[in-house]
Each structure stands twice: as structure tokens, then as C-alpha cells.
Amino acid sequence: MANADWKILMPYVLPEVDKCPKVQIVNEIRRAAIVFCQRTQVWREELDPLFFPAGIVSAELEPPRGARVCEIITVTNLNGGVALIPEVQFSSTSDTIDLIGIPTFDTQLSVLAALKPTLLSTGIPEGLMEDWGQYLAYGAVASLKAMRGREWEDLPGAQIKNELFEDGITSAKIRVITGGAKRSLTVKPRSFGQ
């Protein structure tokens, strides 16, 4: 999937802080995206399969360029299609995954990970930018307006934009939890034969 550059959000941020250097605006958009993705886990991707030769318990994770792993969501054994239980079967960092048990035969694993942009990233996938870019702009504006002693300082405005940013985080968390469901997730009681 193609990435959308951070500069796409410049027209949403610049009018709010017109004296701010563009480089600083891009940095704050990136920072807002890092916070947003880390808190919501909305950016999820299947990483390249990992191969564990018999007796090897550790492998390096390989997220896409410009991304870092926040958390491993699921790990599936591609040899037999059996899902491993994250809390019991492996541990991970943002760079590696370690199996708890030593594999006795060659094993290939599929990994679904929640990602966040890196400090050197130039953007995020287009779909994420399309869905959440407005909220990333709110987060950047909130941060910039909260900078004391700058020409664009506006603490009440920063608070308003931060509330909108937090609303976006809440919406993204709900979408992740519900899987994007558009209808009610309530359960209707049913009686079973007597």
C-alpha cells in the first residue's frame, strides 16, 4: 500500500499557526501520528512470515519501512494453522519475538502487528491518512498552539484542538474494538427449548 506524505496535512495545520516553520509543522504531524497509532493500534499489518529453525527461539521482526511495532496482535503457526496464545506462547519487543518453548522442528509463523510511524518516517498508509488525517492535524495544531512564547501560542485553542484529537483517538479505539461494525453489537436473549 502506498504511503501518504505528512505534507498532505499542511493545509489543515498551517492556517492555524501561520508563522510556524513548515519543518516544525511536519514534525508535529509525525509526532501526533506516533501518539495516535500507539494509543489506538489502528495501524495493523501482517508482517513477513518468520522462520524458526528447530532449536531457535528468537527472530527479528521486520515491519515496513518507516514503521515500528507497538504490539503483536496475533501469531499463527503456518505449519499447522494453529493460533498461538500471545500471553503464554511468546514474548516480544518492538524488534524481536521470542518463543517460550523451543521448537523441535522447523516452524514458520505469521505475525499480525500493531504499528506506529518512526521518527524518520515520511508518512503513513493512504487509508489511514484518509480515515484519520483530520485528527492527526488536530493533534499537531494542539501541540503547536501549546508552545509557550511563540507567535502562534494559543492555549485555549490548543485545548480545543487537543479535545478533538482525543475524540479521534476514542473513535479509532472503538473501530478497532468493534472491527468497524456499523450496527449494534448487543446480544439478544433467546430461549432454548424446554
N, C-alpha and C. Protein backbone atom coordinates (compact mmCIF):
# COMPACT_ATOMS: atom_id res chain seq x y z
N MET A 1 0.85 -1.18 0.00
CA MET A 1 0.00 0.00 0.00
C MET A 1 0.89 1.24 0.00
N ALA A 2 0.53 2.22 -0.79
CA ALA A 2 1.31 3.46 -0.89
C ALA A 2 1.14 4.30 0.37
N ASN A 3 2.20 5.04 0.68
CA ASN A 3 2.14 5.94 1.82
C ASN A 3 1.72 7.33 1.39
N ALA A 4 0.98 8.00 2.27
CA ALA A 4 0.61 9.40 2.08
C ALA A 4 1.58 10.24 2.90
N ASP A 5 2.17 11.23 2.29
CA ASP A 5 3.18 12.08 2.93
C ASP A 5 2.55 12.96 4.00
N TRP A 6 3.33 13.23 5.06
CA TRP A 6 2.84 14.11 6.13
C TRP A 6 2.43 15.47 5.59
N LYS A 7 3.09 15.94 4.53
CA LYS A 7 2.83 17.27 3.99
C LYS A 7 1.40 17.43 3.46
N ILE A 8 0.72 16.31 3.23
CA ILE A 8 -0.68 16.38 2.79
C ILE A 8 -1.54 17.12 3.81
N LEU A 9 -1.16 17.04 5.07
CA LEU A 9 -1.94 17.69 6.13
C LEU A 9 -1.57 19.15 6.36
N MET A 10 -0.55 19.63 5.66
CA MET A 10 -0.10 21.01 5.83
C MET A 10 -1.23 22.03 5.67
N PRO A 11 -2.12 21.90 4.66
CA PRO A 11 -3.20 22.90 4.52
C PRO A 11 -4.18 22.93 5.71
N TYR A 12 -4.22 21.86 6.48
CA TYR A 12 -5.11 21.82 7.65
C TYR A 12 -4.47 22.43 8.89
N VAL A 13 -3.14 22.46 8.91
CA VAL A 13 -2.41 22.93 10.09
C VAL A 13 -1.91 24.36 9.92
N LEU A 14 -1.33 24.67 8.78
CA LEU A 14 -0.67 25.97 8.55
C LEU A 14 -1.56 27.18 8.83
N PRO A 15 -2.83 27.21 8.41
CA PRO A 15 -3.65 28.40 8.70
C PRO A 15 -3.82 28.67 10.20
N GLU A 16 -3.70 27.62 11.01
CA GLU A 16 -3.87 27.77 12.45
C GLU A 16 -2.62 28.35 13.12
N VAL A 17 -1.46 28.14 12.50
CA VAL A 17 -0.17 28.57 13.07
C VAL A 17 0.70 29.13 11.95
N ASP A 18 0.19 30.16 11.26
CA ASP A 18 0.80 30.62 10.01
C ASP A 18 2.24 31.10 10.12
N LYS A 19 2.72 31.46 11.26
CA LYS A 19 4.11 31.91 11.40
C LYS A 19 5.07 30.76 11.73
N CYS A 20 4.54 29.59 11.93
CA CYS A 20 5.35 28.43 12.31
C CYS A 20 6.12 27.89 11.09
N PRO A 21 7.41 27.54 11.29
CA PRO A 21 8.18 26.94 10.19
C PRO A 21 7.56 25.61 9.74
N LYS A 22 7.54 25.37 8.44
CA LYS A 22 6.92 24.17 7.89
C LYS A 22 7.58 22.90 8.39
N VAL A 23 8.87 22.93 8.61
CA VAL A 23 9.58 21.74 9.12
C VAL A 23 9.03 21.37 10.50
N GLN A 24 8.78 22.36 11.33
CA GLN A 24 8.25 22.11 12.67
C GLN A 24 6.82 21.56 12.58
N ILE A 25 6.05 22.05 11.62
CA ILE A 25 4.69 21.54 11.44
C ILE A 25 4.73 20.06 11.07
N VAL A 26 5.59 19.71 10.12
CA VAL A 26 5.71 18.29 9.71
C VAL A 26 6.12 17.44 10.90
N ASN A 27 7.05 17.93 11.72
CA ASN A 27 7.48 17.16 12.89
C ASN A 27 6.33 16.93 13.86
N GLU A 28 5.48 17.94 14.04
CA GLU A 28 4.35 17.79 14.97
C GLU A 28 3.26 16.90 14.39
N ILE A 29 3.07 16.91 13.07
CA ILE A 29 2.13 15.97 12.45
C ILE A 29 2.62 14.54 12.68
N ARG A 30 3.92 14.31 12.47
CA ARG A 30 4.51 12.97 12.69
C ARG A 30 4.35 12.55 14.15
N ARG A 31 4.63 13.46 15.07
CA ARG A 31 4.51 13.16 16.49
C ARG A 31 3.08 12.80 16.85
N ALA A 32 2.12 13.56 16.30
CA ALA A 32 0.71 13.26 16.56
C ALA A 32 0.35 11.88 16.02
N ALA A 33 0.88 11.53 14.85
CA ALA A 33 0.60 10.22 14.26
C ALA A 33 1.19 9.10 15.11
N ILE A 34 2.38 9.31 15.65
CA ILE A 34 3.01 8.30 16.51
C ILE A 34 2.13 8.06 17.74
N VAL A 35 1.71 9.13 18.39
CA VAL A 35 0.86 9.02 19.58
C VAL A 35 -0.47 8.35 19.21
N PHE A 36 -1.07 8.80 18.12
CA PHE A 36 -2.37 8.28 17.69
C PHE A 36 -2.30 6.78 17.43
N CYS A 37 -1.32 6.36 16.65
CA CYS A 37 -1.20 4.94 16.30
C CYS A 37 -0.84 4.08 17.51
N GLN A 38 0.00 4.59 18.38
CA GLN A 38 0.38 3.83 19.57
C GLN A 38 -0.80 3.66 20.51
N ARG A 39 -1.58 4.70 20.70
CA ARG A 39 -2.71 4.62 21.64
C ARG A 39 -3.90 3.86 21.09
N THR A 40 -4.08 3.85 19.76
CA THR A 40 -5.27 3.23 19.18
C THR A 40 -5.03 1.85 18.58
N GLN A 41 -3.80 1.58 18.18
CA GLN A 41 -3.44 0.35 17.46
C GLN A 41 -4.26 0.19 16.19
N VAL A 42 -4.59 1.31 15.55
CA VAL A 42 -5.40 1.30 14.34
C VAL A 42 -4.60 0.86 13.11
N TRP A 43 -3.28 1.04 13.14
CA TRP A 43 -2.44 0.63 12.02
C TRP A 43 -1.99 -0.81 12.29
N ARG A 44 -2.61 -1.75 11.59
CA ARG A 44 -2.31 -3.17 11.76
C ARG A 44 -1.89 -3.76 10.42
N GLU A 45 -0.82 -4.52 10.45
CA GLU A 45 -0.36 -5.18 9.22
C GLU A 45 0.19 -6.56 9.53
N GLU A 46 0.00 -7.43 8.56
CA GLU A 46 0.60 -8.77 8.60
C GLU A 46 2.06 -8.60 8.16
N LEU A 47 2.99 -8.96 9.03
CA LEU A 47 4.40 -8.85 8.70
C LEU A 47 4.83 -10.04 7.85
N ASP A 48 6.01 -9.94 7.26
CA ASP A 48 6.54 -11.08 6.51
C ASP A 48 6.63 -12.28 7.44
N PRO A 49 6.31 -13.49 6.96
CA PRO A 49 6.38 -14.68 7.83
C PRO A 49 7.78 -14.85 8.44
N LEU A 50 7.80 -15.33 9.66
CA LEU A 50 9.06 -15.57 10.37
C LEU A 50 9.37 -17.06 10.34
N PHE A 51 10.63 -17.39 10.12
CA PHE A 51 11.05 -18.79 10.08
C PHE A 51 11.91 -19.08 11.31
N PHE A 52 11.54 -20.11 12.06
CA PHE A 52 12.29 -20.55 13.23
C PHE A 52 12.82 -21.95 12.95
N PRO A 53 14.12 -22.09 12.66
CA PRO A 53 14.67 -23.46 12.53
C PRO A 53 14.55 -24.18 13.87
N ALA A 54 14.52 -25.50 13.85
CA ALA A 54 14.44 -26.29 15.08
C ALA A 54 15.53 -25.83 16.06
N GLY A 55 15.14 -25.59 17.30
CA GLY A 55 16.07 -25.20 18.34
C GLY A 55 16.28 -23.69 18.47
N ILE A 56 15.78 -22.90 17.55
CA ILE A 56 15.94 -21.44 17.60
C ILE A 56 14.64 -20.83 18.12
N VAL A 57 14.76 -19.92 19.11
CA VAL A 57 13.57 -19.36 19.74
C VAL A 57 13.38 -17.88 19.48
N SER A 58 14.31 -17.21 18.82
CA SER A 58 14.22 -15.78 18.64
C SER A 58 14.33 -15.40 17.16
N ALA A 59 13.56 -14.38 16.76
CA ALA A 59 13.63 -13.86 15.39
C ALA A 59 13.38 -12.36 15.42
N GLU A 60 13.98 -11.67 14.46
CA GLU A 60 13.77 -10.23 14.34
C GLU A 60 12.49 -9.94 13.57
N LEU A 61 11.73 -8.98 14.08
CA LEU A 61 10.53 -8.53 13.39
C LEU A 61 10.93 -7.56 12.28
N GLU A 62 10.23 -7.61 11.17
CA GLU A 62 10.56 -6.74 10.04
C GLU A 62 9.32 -5.94 9.61
N PRO A 63 9.04 -4.84 10.34
CA PRO A 63 7.91 -4.01 9.93
C PRO A 63 8.25 -3.27 8.64
N PRO A 64 7.24 -2.70 7.98
CA PRO A 64 7.51 -1.92 6.77
C PRO A 64 8.42 -0.73 7.08
N ARG A 65 9.09 -0.23 6.05
CA ARG A 65 9.98 0.92 6.22
C ARG A 65 9.17 2.10 6.78
N GLY A 66 9.74 2.78 7.76
CA GLY A 66 9.08 3.93 8.37
C GLY A 66 8.10 3.56 9.46
N ALA A 67 8.07 2.27 9.84
CA ALA A 67 7.15 1.82 10.89
C ALA A 67 7.91 1.05 11.96
N ARG A 68 7.33 1.01 13.14
CA ARG A 68 7.89 0.27 14.27
C ARG A 68 6.74 -0.50 14.91
N VAL A 69 7.02 -1.66 15.43
CA VAL A 69 5.99 -2.49 16.06
C VAL A 69 5.65 -1.94 17.44
N CYS A 70 4.36 -1.72 17.68
CA CYS A 70 3.86 -1.32 19.02
C CYS A 70 3.56 -2.58 19.83
N GLU A 71 2.85 -3.49 19.17
CA GLU A 71 2.41 -4.71 19.87
C GLU A 71 2.11 -5.79 18.85
N ILE A 72 2.35 -7.03 19.25
CA ILE A 72 1.98 -8.18 18.43
C ILE A 72 0.53 -8.50 18.77
N ILE A 73 -0.33 -8.58 17.75
CA ILE A 73 -1.75 -8.85 17.96
C ILE A 73 -1.99 -10.36 17.95
N THR A 74 -1.58 -11.04 16.89
CA THR A 74 -1.73 -12.50 16.82
C THR A 74 -0.51 -13.11 16.15
N VAL A 75 -0.26 -14.34 16.52
CA VAL A 75 0.80 -15.14 15.90
C VAL A 75 0.17 -16.47 15.53
N THR A 76 0.30 -16.85 14.26
CA THR A 76 -0.28 -18.08 13.77
C THR A 76 0.80 -18.99 13.23
N ASN A 77 0.74 -20.25 13.61
CA ASN A 77 1.68 -21.26 13.13
C ASN A 77 1.26 -21.66 11.73
N LEU A 78 2.06 -21.30 10.73
CA LEU A 78 1.70 -21.59 9.35
C LEU A 78 1.89 -23.07 8.99
N ASN A 79 2.60 -23.79 9.86
CA ASN A 79 2.79 -25.22 9.59
C ASN A 79 1.50 -25.99 9.79
N GLY A 80 0.73 -25.58 10.80
CA GLY A 80 -0.50 -26.30 11.07
C GLY A 80 -1.71 -25.41 11.16
N GLY A 81 -1.53 -24.09 11.04
CA GLY A 81 -2.64 -23.16 11.11
C GLY A 81 -3.20 -22.97 12.50
N VAL A 82 -2.47 -23.37 13.55
CA VAL A 82 -2.96 -23.25 14.92
C VAL A 82 -2.48 -21.92 15.49
N ALA A 83 -3.40 -21.11 16.01
CA ALA A 83 -3.03 -19.82 16.59
C ALA A 83 -2.38 -20.04 17.95
N LEU A 84 -1.26 -19.37 18.16
CA LEU A 84 -0.62 -19.41 19.47
C LEU A 84 -1.29 -18.38 20.37
N ILE A 85 -1.27 -18.61 21.66
CA ILE A 85 -1.86 -17.67 22.61
C ILE A 85 -0.78 -16.68 23.02
N PRO A 86 -0.94 -15.37 22.70
CA PRO A 86 0.13 -14.40 22.92
C PRO A 86 0.69 -14.36 24.34
N GLU A 87 -0.17 -14.39 25.36
CA GLU A 87 0.30 -14.25 26.73
C GLU A 87 1.12 -15.45 27.20
N VAL A 88 0.96 -16.59 26.56
CA VAL A 88 1.59 -17.81 27.04
C VAL A 88 2.73 -18.29 26.15
N GLN A 89 2.58 -18.15 24.84
CA GLN A 89 3.49 -18.81 23.92
C GLN A 89 4.69 -18.00 23.47
N PHE A 90 4.67 -16.69 23.56
CA PHE A 90 5.81 -15.89 23.12
C PHE A 90 5.88 -14.60 23.90
N SER A 91 7.04 -13.99 23.82
CA SER A 91 7.21 -12.63 24.32
C SER A 91 7.80 -11.83 23.18
N SER A 92 7.64 -10.52 23.23
CA SER A 92 8.15 -9.71 22.13
C SER A 92 8.56 -8.33 22.61
N THR A 93 9.41 -7.73 21.80
CA THR A 93 9.76 -6.32 21.95
C THR A 93 9.35 -5.67 20.63
N SER A 94 9.70 -4.42 20.44
CA SER A 94 9.38 -3.78 19.17
C SER A 94 10.28 -4.30 18.05
N ASP A 95 11.33 -5.05 18.42
CA ASP A 95 12.28 -5.53 17.41
C ASP A 95 12.31 -7.06 17.24
N THR A 96 11.95 -7.79 18.28
CA THR A 96 12.09 -9.26 18.22
C THR A 96 10.87 -9.97 18.79
N ILE A 97 10.76 -11.24 18.44
CA ILE A 97 9.78 -12.13 19.04
C ILE A 97 10.54 -13.35 19.53
N ASP A 98 10.25 -13.77 20.75
CA ASP A 98 10.90 -14.92 21.37
C ASP A 98 9.85 -15.95 21.73
N LEU A 99 10.01 -17.16 21.23
CA LEU A 99 9.09 -18.23 21.58
C LEU A 99 9.40 -18.71 22.98
N ILE A 100 8.37 -19.06 23.72
CA ILE A 100 8.57 -19.55 25.08
C ILE A 100 9.11 -20.98 25.06
N GLY A 101 8.53 -21.83 24.22
CA GLY A 101 9.02 -23.20 24.08
C GLY A 101 10.00 -23.28 22.92
N ILE A 102 10.97 -24.17 23.02
CA ILE A 102 11.94 -24.37 21.95
C ILE A 102 11.32 -25.25 20.87
N PRO A 103 11.27 -24.77 19.61
CA PRO A 103 10.69 -25.60 18.56
C PRO A 103 11.57 -26.83 18.28
N THR A 104 10.93 -27.99 18.19
CA THR A 104 11.67 -29.23 17.93
C THR A 104 11.75 -29.53 16.43
N PHE A 105 11.03 -28.76 15.61
CA PHE A 105 11.12 -28.89 14.16
C PHE A 105 11.00 -27.49 13.56
N ASP A 106 11.40 -27.33 12.31
CA ASP A 106 11.34 -26.04 11.63
C ASP A 106 9.90 -25.52 11.65
N THR A 107 9.76 -24.23 12.01
CA THR A 107 8.44 -23.64 12.17
C THR A 107 8.39 -22.29 11.45
N GLN A 108 7.27 -22.03 10.78
CA GLN A 108 7.06 -20.74 10.15
C GLN A 108 5.83 -20.09 10.78
N LEU A 109 5.98 -18.82 11.18
CA LEU A 109 4.90 -18.12 11.87
C LEU A 109 4.46 -16.89 11.10
N SER A 110 3.17 -16.64 11.14
CA SER A 110 2.57 -15.43 10.60
C SER A 110 2.32 -14.49 11.77
N VAL A 111 2.66 -13.21 11.61
CA VAL A 111 2.54 -12.24 12.69
C VAL A 111 1.70 -11.04 12.25
N LEU A 112 0.63 -10.78 12.99
CA LEU A 112 -0.16 -9.56 12.81
C LEU A 112 0.27 -8.59 13.89
N ALA A 113 0.72 -7.38 13.49
CA ALA A 113 1.27 -6.42 14.45
C ALA A 113 0.56 -5.08 14.35
N ALA A 114 0.46 -4.41 15.49
CA ALA A 114 0.04 -3.01 15.52
C ALA A 114 1.30 -2.18 15.34
N LEU A 115 1.24 -1.20 14.44
CA LEU A 115 2.42 -0.41 14.10
C LEU A 115 2.22 1.06 14.44
N LYS A 116 3.34 1.76 14.50
CA LYS A 116 3.33 3.22 14.63
C LYS A 116 4.44 3.76 13.74
N PRO A 117 4.34 5.02 13.30
CA PRO A 117 5.40 5.59 12.48
C PRO A 117 6.67 5.78 13.30
N THR A 118 7.81 5.79 12.61
CA THR A 118 9.08 6.11 13.27
C THR A 118 9.32 7.61 13.21
N LEU A 119 10.32 8.07 13.95
CA LEU A 119 10.67 9.49 13.92
C LEU A 119 11.23 9.92 12.57
N LEU A 120 11.66 8.96 11.76
CA LEU A 120 12.21 9.28 10.44
C LEU A 120 11.21 9.02 9.32
N SER A 121 10.00 8.62 9.67
CA SER A 121 9.00 8.28 8.65
C SER A 121 8.59 9.52 7.85
N THR A 122 8.15 9.27 6.63
CA THR A 122 7.70 10.37 5.76
C THR A 122 6.18 10.37 5.59
N GLY A 123 5.51 9.37 6.14
CA GLY A 123 4.06 9.30 6.04
C GLY A 123 3.52 8.00 6.59
N ILE A 124 2.23 7.78 6.35
CA ILE A 124 1.55 6.55 6.75
C ILE A 124 0.73 6.05 5.56
N PRO A 125 0.25 4.80 5.63
CA PRO A 125 -0.57 4.29 4.52
C PRO A 125 -1.75 5.22 4.20
N GLU A 126 -2.05 5.32 2.90
CA GLU A 126 -3.10 6.22 2.43
C GLU A 126 -4.43 6.03 3.13
N GLY A 127 -4.82 4.78 3.36
CA GLY A 127 -6.09 4.51 4.02
C GLY A 127 -6.16 5.10 5.41
N LEU A 128 -5.08 5.00 6.16
CA LEU A 128 -5.04 5.60 7.50
C LEU A 128 -5.10 7.11 7.42
N MET A 129 -4.37 7.68 6.46
CA MET A 129 -4.39 9.14 6.30
C MET A 129 -5.80 9.60 5.93
N GLU A 130 -6.44 8.84 5.06
CA GLU A 130 -7.80 9.19 4.63
C GLU A 130 -8.78 9.15 5.81
N ASP A 131 -8.68 8.10 6.62
CA ASP A 131 -9.60 7.92 7.74
C ASP A 131 -9.31 8.82 8.94
N TRP A 132 -8.03 9.04 9.23
CA TRP A 132 -7.65 9.67 10.49
C TRP A 132 -6.82 10.94 10.36
N GLY A 133 -6.52 11.38 9.14
CA GLY A 133 -5.67 12.54 8.92
C GLY A 133 -6.17 13.81 9.59
N GLN A 134 -7.46 14.01 9.57
CA GLN A 134 -8.03 15.20 10.19
C GLN A 134 -7.67 15.24 11.68
N TYR A 135 -7.72 14.10 12.35
CA TYR A 135 -7.41 14.04 13.77
C TYR A 135 -5.92 14.23 14.01
N LEU A 136 -5.08 13.74 13.10
CA LEU A 136 -3.64 13.96 13.21
C LEU A 136 -3.35 15.46 13.11
N ALA A 137 -4.06 16.14 12.21
CA ALA A 137 -3.90 17.60 12.09
C ALA A 137 -4.32 18.29 13.39
N TYR A 138 -5.42 17.86 13.99
CA TYR A 138 -5.84 18.43 15.28
C TYR A 138 -4.74 18.25 16.33
N GLY A 139 -4.15 17.06 16.38
CA GLY A 139 -3.09 16.80 17.35
C GLY A 139 -1.88 17.68 17.13
N ALA A 140 -1.51 17.88 15.87
CA ALA A 140 -0.37 18.75 15.55
C ALA A 140 -0.66 20.19 15.94
N VAL A 141 -1.86 20.68 15.61
CA VAL A 141 -2.23 22.05 15.94
C VAL A 141 -2.25 22.23 17.46
N ALA A 142 -2.79 21.27 18.18
CA ALA A 142 -2.84 21.36 19.64
C ALA A 142 -1.44 21.50 20.21
N SER A 143 -0.52 20.69 19.73
CA SER A 143 0.85 20.73 20.22
C SER A 143 1.53 22.06 19.88
N LEU A 144 1.33 22.51 18.66
CA LEU A 144 1.97 23.77 18.24
C LEU A 144 1.41 24.97 19.00
N LYS A 145 0.09 25.02 19.18
CA LYS A 145 -0.53 26.15 19.88
C LYS A 145 -0.17 26.16 21.37
N ALA A 146 0.24 25.02 21.89
CA ALA A 146 0.61 24.94 23.31
C ALA A 146 2.06 25.36 23.56
N MET A 147 2.80 25.69 22.51
CA MET A 147 4.20 26.10 22.66
C MET A 147 4.26 27.52 23.21
N ARG A 148 4.77 27.63 24.41
CA ARG A 148 4.83 28.93 25.09
C ARG A 148 5.85 29.86 24.42
N GLY A 149 5.48 31.14 24.38
CA GLY A 149 6.39 32.16 23.89
C GLY A 149 6.53 32.24 22.38
N ARG A 150 5.76 31.46 21.65
CA ARG A 150 5.81 31.51 20.18
C ARG A 150 4.72 32.44 19.67
N GLU A 151 4.89 32.96 18.48
CA GLU A 151 3.90 33.87 17.90
C GLU A 151 2.54 33.21 17.76
N TRP A 152 2.54 31.90 17.59
CA TRP A 152 1.29 31.17 17.35
C TRP A 152 0.71 30.55 18.63
N GLU A 153 1.29 30.91 19.79
CA GLU A 153 0.78 30.38 21.06
C GLU A 153 -0.70 30.76 21.23
N ASP A 154 -1.50 29.77 21.62
CA ASP A 154 -2.94 29.97 21.82
C ASP A 154 -3.42 28.83 22.71
N LEU A 155 -3.28 29.00 24.02
CA LEU A 155 -3.59 27.90 24.94
C LEU A 155 -5.05 27.47 24.90
N PRO A 156 -6.02 28.39 24.84
CA PRO A 156 -7.41 27.92 24.71
C PRO A 156 -7.63 27.16 23.40
N GLY A 157 -7.04 27.65 22.33
CA GLY A 157 -7.15 26.96 21.04
C GLY A 157 -6.48 25.59 21.08
N ALA A 158 -5.36 25.50 21.80
CA ALA A 158 -4.66 24.22 21.95
C ALA A 158 -5.55 23.22 22.67
N GLN A 159 -6.24 23.68 23.69
CA GLN A 159 -7.12 22.78 24.45
C GLN A 159 -8.26 22.26 23.58
N ILE A 160 -8.85 23.14 22.77
CA ILE A 160 -9.95 22.73 21.90
C ILE A 160 -9.47 21.69 20.89
N LYS A 161 -8.33 21.96 20.26
CA LYS A 161 -7.80 21.02 19.26
C LYS A 161 -7.37 19.70 19.92
N ASN A 162 -6.87 19.77 21.15
CA ASN A 162 -6.50 18.53 21.83
C ASN A 162 -7.73 17.69 22.15
N GLU A 163 -8.84 18.33 22.49
CA GLU A 163 -10.08 17.59 22.73
C GLU A 163 -10.55 16.90 21.46
N LEU A 164 -10.42 17.57 20.31
CA LEU A 164 -10.78 16.96 19.03
C LEU A 164 -9.85 15.79 18.70
N PHE A 165 -8.57 15.95 19.00
CA PHE A 165 -7.59 14.87 18.81
C PHE A 165 -7.97 13.66 19.68
N GLU A 166 -8.32 13.91 20.93
CA GLU A 166 -8.73 12.83 21.83
C GLU A 166 -10.02 12.17 21.35
N ASP A 167 -10.94 12.94 20.78
CA ASP A 167 -12.16 12.36 20.20
C ASP A 167 -11.80 11.38 19.08
N GLY A 168 -10.83 11.76 18.26
CA GLY A 168 -10.37 10.88 17.19
C GLY A 168 -9.76 9.60 17.73
N ILE A 169 -8.99 9.72 18.79
CA ILE A 169 -8.40 8.54 19.42
C ILE A 169 -9.49 7.61 19.92
N THR A 170 -10.49 8.18 20.56
CA THR A 170 -11.61 7.37 21.05
C THR A 170 -12.33 6.67 19.90
N SER A 171 -12.60 7.40 18.83
CA SER A 171 -13.28 6.81 17.67
C SER A 171 -12.46 5.68 17.06
N ALA A 172 -11.16 5.88 16.96
CA ALA A 172 -10.29 4.84 16.38
C ALA A 172 -10.26 3.60 17.28
N LYS A 173 -10.20 3.80 18.60
CA LYS A 173 -10.22 2.66 19.52
C LYS A 173 -11.51 1.87 19.37
N ILE A 174 -12.62 2.59 19.25
CA ILE A 174 -13.91 1.92 19.08
C ILE A 174 -13.92 1.12 17.78
N ARG A 175 -13.41 1.71 16.71
CA ARG A 175 -13.38 0.99 15.43
C ARG A 175 -12.51 -0.26 15.53
N VAL A 176 -11.38 -0.17 16.23
CA VAL A 176 -10.51 -1.34 16.39
C VAL A 176 -11.23 -2.42 17.20
N ILE A 177 -11.89 -2.03 18.27
CA ILE A 177 -12.56 -3.00 19.14
C ILE A 177 -13.74 -3.67 18.42
N THR A 178 -14.50 -2.87 17.68
CA THR A 178 -15.69 -3.43 17.02
C THR A 178 -15.37 -4.00 15.65
N GLY A 179 -14.16 -3.82 15.18
CA GLY A 179 -13.80 -4.31 13.86
C GLY A 179 -14.49 -3.53 12.76
N GLY A 180 -14.88 -2.28 13.06
CA GLY A 180 -15.54 -1.44 12.06
C GLY A 180 -17.01 -1.73 11.89
N ALA A 181 -17.60 -2.49 12.80
CA ALA A 181 -19.03 -2.83 12.70
C ALA A 181 -19.87 -1.57 12.69
N LYS A 182 -20.86 -1.53 11.83
CA LYS A 182 -21.73 -0.36 11.71
C LYS A 182 -23.03 -0.51 12.50
N ARG A 183 -23.31 -1.69 12.95
CA ARG A 183 -24.58 -1.89 13.66
C ARG A 183 -24.31 -2.26 15.12
N SER A 184 -25.36 -2.31 15.89
CA SER A 184 -25.26 -2.61 17.30
C SER A 184 -24.64 -3.98 17.54
N LEU A 185 -23.84 -4.03 18.57
CA LEU A 185 -23.20 -5.30 18.91
C LEU A 185 -23.85 -5.94 20.14
N THR A 186 -25.09 -5.54 20.45
CA THR A 186 -25.77 -6.10 21.60
C THR A 186 -26.24 -7.52 21.28
N VAL A 187 -26.38 -8.29 22.33
CA VAL A 187 -26.82 -9.67 22.20
C VAL A 187 -28.29 -9.75 22.58
N LYS A 188 -29.09 -10.40 21.74
CA LYS A 188 -30.50 -10.56 22.03
C LYS A 188 -30.69 -11.89 22.77
N PRO A 189 -31.45 -11.85 23.88
CA PRO A 189 -31.68 -13.09 24.61
C PRO A 189 -32.59 -14.04 23.80
N ARG A 190 -32.26 -15.29 23.85
CA ARG A 190 -33.09 -16.30 23.18
C ARG A 190 -33.33 -17.45 24.17
N SER A 191 -34.53 -17.97 24.11
CA SER A 191 -34.81 -19.11 24.98
C SER A 191 -34.57 -20.39 24.18
N PHE A 192 -34.09 -21.38 24.85
CA PHE A 192 -33.86 -22.69 24.23
C PHE A 192 -34.90 -23.65 24.73
N GLY A 193 -35.40 -24.50 23.86
CA GLY A 193 -36.48 -25.45 24.15
C GLY A 193 -36.55 -25.90 25.60
N GLN A 194 -37.77 -26.21 26.01
CA GLN A 194 -37.98 -26.63 27.41
C GLN A 194 -38.28 -28.08 27.49
